Amino acid sequence: MRAIVTCECCGHRQAVERPIRRPESFHLICHDCEGVLLVEVTVADLRAARSAAQSRSARAGGVGSPA
């Protein structure tokens, strides 16, 4: 899973540039205001990401396929 994090202080959105494969917590520094953000990834977050990825894959498989 990859994550997009929004800073609570300034609203800047940034991507987490490393794979997240299990529930974990880590700190991230905002690239805009340099505030410290606590990122918490839960089992529910990972399940939702997997479900969304599977939906995208299923839709992509049917688009542009020869009939």
Protein backbone atom coordinates (compact mmCIF):
# COMPACT_ATOMS: atom_id res chain seq x y z
CA MET A 1 0.00 0.00 0.00
CA ARG A 2 1.12 3.55 -0.67
CA ALA A 3 -0.32 6.44 1.30
CA ILE A 4 -1.13 10.10 0.72
CA VAL A 5 -0.81 12.11 3.94
CA THR A 6 -2.37 15.55 4.52
CA CYS A 7 -0.69 17.83 7.04
CA GLU A 8 -3.10 18.94 9.77
CA CYS A 9 -1.22 22.24 10.19
CA CYS A 10 -0.94 23.54 6.61
CA GLY A 11 -3.03 21.16 4.48
CA HIS A 12 -0.09 20.10 2.27
CA ARG A 13 -0.59 16.64 0.72
CA GLN A 14 2.36 14.36 0.15
CA ALA A 15 2.96 10.74 -0.76
CA VAL A 16 4.70 8.25 1.47
CA GLU A 17 7.44 6.95 -0.82
CA ARG A 18 7.82 3.50 0.68
CA PRO A 19 5.60 0.44 0.61
CA ILE A 20 3.42 -0.18 3.66
CA ARG A 21 2.75 -3.89 4.04
CA ARG A 22 1.65 -4.25 7.65
CA PRO A 23 -0.07 -2.16 10.32
CA GLU A 24 2.39 0.34 11.75
CA SER A 25 2.87 3.87 13.04
CA PHE A 26 5.65 6.23 11.96
CA HIS A 27 6.52 9.90 11.95
CA LEU A 28 6.75 12.01 8.81
CA ILE A 29 8.00 15.58 8.34
CA CYS A 30 5.77 17.87 6.25
CA HIS A 31 7.66 19.09 3.17
CA ASP A 32 5.87 22.44 3.35
CA CYS A 33 5.72 23.62 6.99
CA GLU A 34 8.16 21.06 8.49
CA GLY A 35 5.60 19.97 11.06
CA VAL A 36 5.89 16.46 12.49
CA LEU A 37 3.04 14.14 11.52
CA LEU A 38 2.17 10.81 13.11
CA VAL A 39 0.97 8.35 10.49
CA GLU A 40 -0.98 5.33 11.74
CA VAL A 41 -1.81 2.50 9.35
CA THR A 42 -4.37 -0.02 10.59
CA VAL A 43 -5.46 -3.45 9.38
CA ALA A 44 -8.67 -1.80 8.14
CA ASP A 45 -6.62 0.68 6.05
CA LEU A 46 -4.69 -2.17 4.45
CA ARG A 47 -7.89 -4.12 3.70
CA ALA A 48 -9.49 -1.04 2.11
CA ALA A 49 -6.40 -0.46 -0.06
CA ARG A 50 -6.34 -4.08 -1.21
CA SER A 51 -10.05 -4.00 -2.01
CA ALA A 52 -9.67 -0.79 -4.04
CA ALA A 53 -6.68 -2.23 -5.92
CA GLN A 54 -8.64 -5.40 -6.76
CA SER A 55 -11.58 -3.32 -8.03
CA ARG A 56 -9.28 -1.30 -10.28
CA SER A 57 -7.66 -4.48 -11.61
CA ALA A 58 -11.04 -6.06 -12.37
CA ARG A 59 -12.24 -2.95 -14.23
CA ALA A 60 -8.98 -2.60 -16.16
CA GLY A 61 -9.16 -6.22 -17.32
CA GLY A 62 -12.47 -5.60 -19.09
CA VAL A 63 -11.58 -2.29 -20.71
CA GLY A 64 -10.05 -2.49 -24.17
CA SER A 65 -10.26 -6.27 -24.35
CA PRO A 66 -11.08 -7.73 -27.74
CA ALA A 67 -14.64 -9.01 -28.00
